[in-house]
């Protein structure tokens, strides 16, 4: 089957002959039901966060997708963004006095399609006022074990990769970033000051492509991905905890250890499942960090966005001490189903949608290829009969 023919098999086509895909989609629905039961039983309120936001997050390594909303205000063309996370909205609700909350919904991050990344994916994000990141790690462990039992997997998952097994038996190890870097890369981050020091370390290790234009986080990951990650556990989940403050713009510093932030990531084999932290609640420090990220985006040649001052306004009203975490549900379903490709757990993965678009363009006549962009029509938009 050739791309030109338009007959490549999409997932919805494969359902006709491949019962495994149907089983995975049933498991996917069961996971969604299980997530809601898990949080309902623990007194969490589900929040329906908006997908469109006026100001996206500032993270240098996340690229939001712009949406032209049209003349929604006095004929003025307005640009919004598909959210990369419901984080700002959720924290505003914490500042307004809500307690335990969670959000299960689609988020959008531009980037290449890969075996573990789809630009549109299902994210679960939840917050606990009055708790710290240790409580969120416990939640992650309890949630995954709960869902594994719900879908009949128990404490051992077989089949990813084929012939292997993945052990969920608790408790899951907690490994500090400091310990991992020291043991596997020979780098003591306590002795590393600013960016120049870390670049010197990278050069000593032979990573000569690194230069002063690289952000601190990129230099760190150049070393980490080459020397540390291959040595981390592969057959069971683990938490990587206590990140350098340069890598945790929304997390609070560890008391008594200002070099480190109370941030963790949950790994399951080669999958990064979750990212969480004790929340930064100081509006002044948060503004400083956001402005630093804005400057970093400019240095990297990326689009620069305004700071979301409504978020800072909420922090000034008073945010309680809290902790939060975001978990990639599609990757969790990959783990529970023994899948090695994210497209295997999605009914309509991006690769299928791109093919649909390509086929539609190839079969459109001259002047009909509106999917490539069009000029906005002149004059007022026609009034829809169902709109006031």
Protein backbone atom coordinates (compact mmCIF):
# COMPACT_ATOMS: atom_id res chain seq x y z
CA UNK A 1 0.00 0.00 0.00
CA UNK A 2 1.50 3.34 -1.02
CA UNK A 3 1.07 6.76 0.49
CA UNK A 4 -0.11 8.08 -2.88
CA UNK A 5 -2.94 5.57 -3.01
CA UNK A 6 -4.44 6.75 0.25
CA UNK A 7 -4.93 3.11 1.24
CA UNK A 8 -2.46 2.91 4.11
CA UNK A 9 -4.05 1.23 7.07
CA UNK A 10 -5.09 3.65 9.78
CA UNK A 11 -5.96 2.42 13.24
CA UNK A 12 -9.70 2.65 12.64
CA UNK A 13 -9.24 0.43 9.60
CA UNK A 14 -7.09 -2.03 11.52
CA UNK A 15 -9.92 -2.53 14.01
CA UNK A 16 -11.69 -4.61 11.36
CA UNK A 17 -9.05 -7.33 11.44
CA UNK A 18 -6.95 -6.85 14.59
CA UNK A 19 -8.75 -7.73 17.84
CA UNK A 20 -5.79 -6.56 19.93
CA UNK A 21 -6.43 -2.92 19.02
CA UNK A 22 -10.02 -3.26 20.13
CA UNK A 23 -8.85 -4.81 23.41
CA UNK A 24 -6.44 -1.90 23.98
CA UNK A 25 -9.20 0.64 23.38
CA UNK A 26 -11.39 -1.20 25.88
CA UNK A 27 -8.50 -1.12 28.36
CA UNK A 28 -8.10 2.60 27.63
CA UNK A 29 -11.74 3.27 28.51
CA UNK A 30 -11.41 1.18 31.66
CA UNK A 31 -8.37 3.23 32.70
CA UNK A 32 -10.36 6.45 32.30
CA UNK A 33 -13.16 5.06 34.45
CA UNK A 34 -10.64 3.81 37.00
CA UNK A 35 -8.91 7.19 37.26
CA UNK A 36 -12.19 8.92 38.05
CA UNK A 37 -13.14 6.26 40.62
CA UNK A 38 -9.70 6.49 42.25
CA UNK A 39 -9.94 10.26 42.77
CA UNK A 40 -13.62 10.26 43.68
CA UNK A 41 -12.92 7.75 46.45
CA UNK A 42 -10.24 10.10 47.81
CA UNK A 43 -12.37 13.23 47.85
CA UNK A 44 -11.02 15.01 44.76
CA UNK A 45 -13.13 17.35 42.64
CA UNK A 46 -12.83 16.94 38.86
CA UNK A 47 -12.11 20.19 37.00
CA UNK A 48 -12.94 20.74 33.34
CA UNK A 49 -10.13 23.09 32.30
CA UNK A 50 -10.37 25.08 29.05
CA UNK A 51 -8.30 23.85 26.11
CA UNK A 52 -7.92 27.40 24.77
CA UNK A 53 -5.85 29.83 26.81
CA UNK A 54 -4.86 33.44 26.06
CA UNK A 55 -1.31 33.06 27.40
CA UNK A 56 0.56 29.75 27.22
CA UNK A 57 3.11 28.43 29.67
CA UNK A 58 6.64 29.77 29.43
CA UNK A 59 8.60 26.48 29.55
CA UNK A 60 11.49 26.81 27.08
CA UNK A 61 11.23 23.23 25.86
CA UNK A 62 7.47 23.22 25.24
CA UNK A 63 5.99 24.76 22.11
CA UNK A 64 2.27 25.62 22.26
CA UNK A 65 0.02 25.40 19.21
CA UNK A 66 -1.56 28.74 18.23
CA UNK A 67 -5.22 28.97 17.29
CA UNK A 68 -6.70 31.89 15.39
CA UNK A 69 -9.99 32.38 17.22
CA UNK A 70 -11.31 34.87 14.67
CA UNK A 71 -13.06 38.18 15.34
CA UNK A 72 -14.39 37.23 18.77
CA UNK A 73 -14.11 40.74 20.22
CA UNK A 74 -15.42 43.77 18.33
CA UNK A 75 -14.18 42.39 15.02
CA UNK A 76 -10.63 42.04 16.35
CA UNK A 77 -8.73 38.91 15.33
CA UNK A 78 -7.66 37.13 18.50
CA UNK A 79 -4.96 34.49 18.85
CA UNK A 80 -5.30 31.86 21.56
CA UNK A 81 -3.23 28.77 22.27
CA UNK A 82 -4.12 25.16 22.91
CA UNK A 83 -2.93 24.54 26.43
CA UNK A 84 0.15 22.44 27.11
CA UNK A 85 -1.14 21.77 30.63
CA UNK A 86 -4.06 22.91 32.82
CA UNK A 87 -1.55 23.93 35.50
CA UNK A 88 -2.17 27.68 35.66
CA UNK A 89 -5.95 27.22 35.68
CA UNK A 90 -5.75 24.59 38.41
CA UNK A 91 -3.52 26.74 40.61
CA UNK A 92 -5.87 29.70 40.25
CA UNK A 93 -8.62 27.49 41.66
CA UNK A 94 -6.40 26.51 44.58
CA UNK A 95 -5.85 30.21 45.26
CA UNK A 96 -9.63 30.68 45.16
CA UNK A 97 -10.05 28.16 47.96
CA UNK A 98 -10.78 24.81 46.30
CA UNK A 99 -9.30 21.73 47.94
CA UNK A 100 -8.16 18.52 46.29
CA UNK A 101 -8.70 18.79 42.53
CA UNK A 102 -7.83 16.85 39.39
CA UNK A 103 -8.20 17.27 35.64
CA UNK A 104 -8.27 14.55 32.99
CA UNK A 105 -8.17 15.90 29.47
CA UNK A 106 -6.36 16.46 26.20
CA UNK A 107 -3.34 18.75 26.02
CA UNK A 108 -1.27 19.83 23.03
CA UNK A 109 2.47 20.20 22.54
CA UNK A 110 4.00 20.82 19.15
CA UNK A 111 6.79 18.51 18.16
CA UNK A 112 7.75 15.54 16.08
CA UNK A 113 5.72 12.36 16.31
CA UNK A 114 7.73 9.56 17.91
CA UNK A 115 7.21 6.17 19.49
CA UNK A 116 6.33 7.84 22.80
CA UNK A 117 5.04 11.30 21.76
CA UNK A 118 1.82 12.35 20.09
CA UNK A 119 1.32 16.14 19.81
CA UNK A 120 -2.18 15.74 21.26
CA UNK A 121 -2.29 13.48 24.29
CA UNK A 122 -4.26 12.69 27.43
CA UNK A 123 -2.90 14.26 30.60
CA UNK A 124 -3.95 13.65 34.19
CA UNK A 125 -3.05 16.44 36.59
CA UNK A 126 -3.94 16.67 40.28
CA UNK A 127 -3.20 18.81 43.34
CA UNK A 128 -3.23 18.34 47.11
CA UNK A 129 -3.31 21.47 49.32
CA UNK A 130 -1.35 21.11 52.54
CA UNK A 131 0.87 18.32 51.15
CA UNK A 132 4.32 18.08 49.57
CA UNK A 133 5.86 16.09 46.74
CA UNK A 134 6.20 12.97 48.88
CA UNK A 135 2.41 12.68 49.03
CA UNK A 136 2.25 12.96 45.24
CA UNK A 137 4.78 10.15 44.81
CA UNK A 138 2.61 7.99 47.06
CA UNK A 139 -0.42 8.91 44.95
CA UNK A 140 1.39 7.92 41.74
CA UNK A 141 2.33 4.54 43.14
CA UNK A 142 -1.16 3.89 44.53
CA UNK A 143 -2.85 4.99 41.29
CA UNK A 144 -0.77 2.78 39.00
CA UNK A 145 -1.21 -0.25 41.28
CA UNK A 146 -4.96 0.45 41.49
CA UNK A 147 -5.30 0.63 37.71
CA UNK A 148 -3.10 -2.41 37.11
CA UNK A 149 -5.33 -4.45 39.39
CA UNK A 150 -8.45 -3.01 37.79
CA UNK A 151 -7.45 -4.13 34.30
CA UNK A 152 -6.30 -7.54 35.53
CA UNK A 153 -2.53 -7.06 35.41
CA UNK A 154 -1.62 -7.38 39.07
CA UNK A 155 1.94 -6.60 40.19
CA UNK A 156 3.69 -7.96 37.09
CA UNK A 157 3.20 -6.89 33.49
CA UNK A 158 4.47 -9.08 30.68
CA UNK A 159 5.20 -8.38 27.06
CA UNK A 160 6.96 -5.03 26.61
CA UNK A 161 9.34 -5.85 25.06
CA UNK A 162 8.14 -9.36 24.13
CA UNK A 163 9.32 -12.01 26.54
CA UNK A 164 10.12 -9.54 29.30
CA UNK A 165 8.32 -8.68 32.51
CA UNK A 166 7.89 -5.42 34.39
CA UNK A 167 7.54 -5.53 38.17
CA UNK A 168 5.19 -3.16 40.00
CA UNK A 169 5.82 -4.49 43.50
CA UNK A 170 5.97 -1.57 45.99
CA UNK A 171 7.71 0.33 47.37
CA UNK A 172 9.24 1.94 44.31
CA UNK A 173 12.82 3.25 44.65
CA UNK A 174 13.48 6.97 45.06
CA UNK A 175 16.82 8.02 43.55
CA UNK A 176 18.11 11.58 43.93
CA UNK A 177 19.45 13.38 40.88
CA UNK A 178 22.60 14.16 42.89
CA UNK A 179 23.23 10.46 43.59
CA UNK A 180 22.48 9.35 40.03
CA UNK A 181 24.82 11.94 38.50
CA UNK A 182 27.59 11.22 40.98
CA UNK A 183 27.44 7.42 40.68
CA UNK A 184 26.99 7.09 36.93
CA UNK A 185 28.55 10.25 35.48
CA UNK A 186 31.08 11.12 38.16
CA UNK A 187 29.63 14.63 38.50
CA UNK A 188 28.93 16.13 41.92
CA UNK A 189 26.33 18.80 41.23
CA UNK A 190 26.97 20.32 44.65
CA UNK A 191 30.30 21.46 43.22
CA UNK A 192 28.78 22.82 40.00
CA UNK A 193 27.80 26.46 40.16
CA UNK A 194 26.41 28.26 37.15
CA UNK A 195 26.18 27.45 33.46
CA UNK A 196 29.90 28.02 32.82
CA UNK A 197 30.86 25.40 35.40
CA UNK A 198 28.51 22.84 33.86
CA UNK A 199 29.83 23.59 30.35
CA UNK A 200 33.37 23.00 31.64
CA UNK A 201 32.27 19.61 32.96
CA UNK A 202 30.71 18.74 29.60
CA UNK A 203 33.89 19.74 27.75
CA UNK A 204 36.01 17.62 30.09
CA UNK A 205 33.80 14.68 29.15
CA UNK A 206 34.30 15.29 25.43
CA UNK A 207 30.98 16.97 24.61
CA UNK A 208 32.65 19.77 22.69
CA UNK A 209 29.52 20.72 20.76
CA UNK A 210 28.20 22.28 23.97
CA UNK A 211 28.73 26.05 24.14
CA UNK A 212 27.47 29.10 25.99
CA UNK A 213 24.33 29.31 23.84
CA UNK A 214 23.06 26.09 25.44
CA UNK A 215 20.64 26.46 28.38
CA UNK A 216 21.65 24.86 31.68
CA UNK A 217 19.02 22.13 31.28
CA UNK A 218 20.25 21.13 27.82
CA UNK A 219 23.83 20.78 29.03
CA UNK A 220 22.62 18.70 31.98
CA UNK A 221 20.64 16.35 29.74
CA UNK A 222 23.57 15.97 27.34
CA UNK A 223 25.43 14.28 30.17
CA UNK A 224 22.44 12.65 31.83
CA UNK A 225 21.01 10.94 28.75
CA UNK A 226 24.38 9.60 27.66
CA UNK A 227 25.82 8.46 30.98
CA UNK A 228 23.08 8.23 33.61
CA UNK A 229 19.79 7.17 32.06
CA UNK A 230 21.14 3.89 30.55
CA UNK A 231 22.10 2.78 34.07
CA UNK A 232 18.76 3.45 35.76
CA UNK A 233 16.31 0.59 36.57
CA UNK A 234 14.61 -0.94 33.53
CA UNK A 235 12.32 -3.60 34.99
CA UNK A 236 10.41 -1.60 37.60
CA UNK A 237 9.13 1.94 38.24
CA UNK A 238 11.29 4.40 40.14
CA UNK A 239 11.23 8.05 41.15
CA UNK A 240 14.03 10.44 40.25
CA UNK A 241 13.86 13.13 42.92
CA UNK A 242 15.30 16.49 44.01
CA UNK A 243 16.27 18.35 40.84
CA UNK A 244 18.62 21.35 40.55
CA UNK A 245 16.64 24.58 40.88
CA UNK A 246 17.57 25.48 37.28
CA UNK A 247 15.26 22.64 36.18
CA UNK A 248 12.23 23.39 38.34
CA UNK A 249 10.80 26.82 37.59
CA UNK A 250 7.45 26.13 39.28
CA UNK A 251 8.73 24.10 42.24
CA UNK A 252 9.77 25.30 45.67
CA UNK A 253 13.31 24.93 46.98
CA UNK A 254 14.12 22.21 49.51
CA UNK A 255 14.26 23.64 53.05
CA UNK A 256 17.88 23.79 54.16
CA UNK A 257 19.14 22.82 50.69
CA UNK A 258 18.50 25.78 48.36
CA UNK A 259 20.57 24.17 45.56
CA UNK A 260 17.73 21.68 45.06
CA UNK A 261 14.01 21.82 44.31
CA UNK A 262 11.32 19.43 45.53
CA UNK A 263 10.61 17.98 42.10
CA UNK A 264 10.32 14.36 40.98
CA UNK A 265 9.79 12.37 37.82
CA UNK A 266 8.29 8.89 37.67
CA UNK A 267 9.92 6.50 35.21
CA UNK A 268 8.68 3.10 34.12
CA UNK A 269 11.41 1.46 32.09
CA UNK A 270 12.20 3.93 29.32
CA UNK A 271 8.91 5.78 29.74
CA UNK A 272 8.74 9.04 31.64
CA UNK A 273 5.26 8.80 33.14
CA UNK A 274 4.87 11.74 35.52
CA UNK A 275 6.41 15.01 36.65
CA UNK A 276 5.49 16.57 39.99
CA UNK A 277 6.66 18.89 42.72
CA UNK A 278 5.94 20.84 45.82
CA UNK A 279 4.49 24.06 44.46
CA UNK A 280 6.21 27.41 44.51
CA UNK A 281 3.77 29.85 46.13
CA UNK A 282 5.91 33.01 46.38
CA UNK A 283 4.66 35.40 43.64
CA UNK A 284 7.88 37.43 43.55
CA UNK A 285 10.16 34.44 43.08
CA UNK A 286 7.70 32.98 40.56
CA UNK A 287 7.75 36.19 38.50
CA UNK A 288 11.55 36.19 38.54
CA UNK A 289 11.65 32.61 37.28
CA UNK A 290 9.08 33.23 34.55
CA UNK A 291 11.00 36.27 33.30
CA UNK A 292 14.17 34.16 33.25
CA UNK A 293 12.39 31.54 31.14
CA UNK A 294 11.10 34.26 28.83
CA UNK A 295 14.66 35.45 28.32
CA UNK A 296 15.79 31.88 27.71
CA UNK A 297 13.15 31.40 25.02
CA UNK A 298 14.42 34.54 23.29
CA UNK A 299 18.00 33.27 23.45
CA UNK A 300 16.90 29.96 21.93
CA UNK A 301 15.20 31.79 19.06
CA UNK A 302 11.74 30.61 20.07
CA UNK A 303 8.49 32.55 20.15
CA UNK A 304 8.29 34.67 23.29
CA UNK A 305 5.00 35.05 25.13
CA UNK A 306 3.80 37.58 27.68
CA UNK A 307 3.99 36.57 31.32
CA UNK A 308 0.59 35.41 32.58
CA UNK A 309 0.07 38.11 35.19
CA UNK A 310 -3.35 36.76 36.10
CA UNK A 311 -1.51 33.69 37.40
CA UNK A 312 0.81 35.91 39.45
CA UNK A 313 -2.22 37.88 40.67
CA UNK A 314 -3.72 34.63 41.92
CA UNK A 315 -0.51 33.82 43.79
CA UNK A 316 -0.58 37.27 45.40
CA UNK A 317 -4.09 36.53 46.68
CA UNK A 318 -2.56 33.60 48.49
CA UNK A 319 -1.95 30.05 47.39
CA UNK A 320 -1.84 27.41 50.13
CA UNK A 321 1.15 25.15 50.48
CA UNK A 322 0.41 22.43 47.96
CA UNK A 323 1.85 19.80 45.67
CA UNK A 324 0.86 18.72 42.18
CA UNK A 325 1.73 16.21 39.49
CA UNK A 326 1.01 15.63 35.80
CA UNK A 327 0.89 12.08 34.43
CA UNK A 328 0.83 11.02 30.78
CA UNK A 329 -2.14 8.66 30.53
CA UNK A 330 -1.34 7.37 27.03
CA UNK A 331 2.10 6.26 28.19
CA UNK A 332 0.56 4.61 31.24
CA UNK A 333 -1.75 2.70 28.90
CA UNK A 334 1.32 1.68 26.88
CA UNK A 335 2.77 0.21 30.06
CA UNK A 336 -0.42 -1.58 31.09
CA UNK A 337 -1.04 -3.00 27.60
CA UNK A 338 2.56 -3.99 26.84
CA UNK A 339 2.67 -1.64 23.84
CA UNK A 340 5.90 -0.21 22.47
CA UNK A 341 4.39 2.52 20.26
CA UNK A 342 2.07 5.28 21.45
CA UNK A 343 0.07 5.00 18.23
CA UNK A 344 -0.96 1.48 19.36
CA UNK A 345 -3.02 2.91 22.23
CA UNK A 346 -4.76 5.77 20.36
CA UNK A 347 -7.83 5.40 18.14
CA UNK A 348 -6.68 8.32 15.93
CA UNK A 349 -2.92 8.91 16.31
CA UNK A 350 -1.30 11.91 14.66
CA UNK A 351 0.37 9.78 11.99
CA UNK A 352 -3.11 8.75 10.80
CA UNK A 353 -4.41 12.32 10.85
CA UNK A 354 -1.41 13.53 8.85
CA UNK A 355 -2.09 10.87 6.25
CA UNK A 356 -5.76 11.88 6.05
CA UNK A 357 -4.68 15.48 5.48
CA UNK A 358 -2.17 14.50 2.81
CA UNK A 359 -4.72 12.40 0.94
CA UNK A 360 -7.32 15.18 1.10
CA UNK A 361 -4.81 17.66 -0.37
CA UNK A 362 -3.68 15.31 -3.11
CA UNK A 363 -7.26 14.72 -4.25
CA UNK A 364 -8.37 18.35 -4.12
CA UNK A 365 -8.62 20.23 -7.36
CA UNK A 366 -6.92 23.58 -8.10
CA UNK A 367 -8.13 26.32 -5.79
CA UNK A 368 -9.63 23.84 -3.33
CA UNK A 369 -6.62 23.19 -1.10
CA UNK A 370 -7.88 25.26 1.81
CA UNK A 371 -6.03 23.06 4.31
CA UNK A 372 -2.82 24.84 3.36
CA UNK A 373 -4.23 28.13 4.62
CA UNK A 374 -6.66 30.63 3.22
CA UNK A 375 -7.31 34.34 3.15
CA UNK A 376 -9.97 35.42 5.61
CA UNK A 377 -13.21 36.33 3.78
CA UNK A 378 -14.10 39.99 3.64
CA UNK A 379 -17.26 41.32 5.23
CA UNK A 380 -19.12 40.09 8.30
CA UNK A 381 -19.30 36.38 9.05
CA UNK A 382 -22.66 34.79 8.24
CA UNK A 383 -24.87 34.48 11.31
CA UNK A 384 -25.51 30.96 12.44
CA UNK A 385 -29.22 30.30 13.07
CA UNK A 386 -28.46 28.85 16.51
CA UNK A 387 -26.41 31.84 17.65
CA UNK A 388 -27.76 35.03 19.13
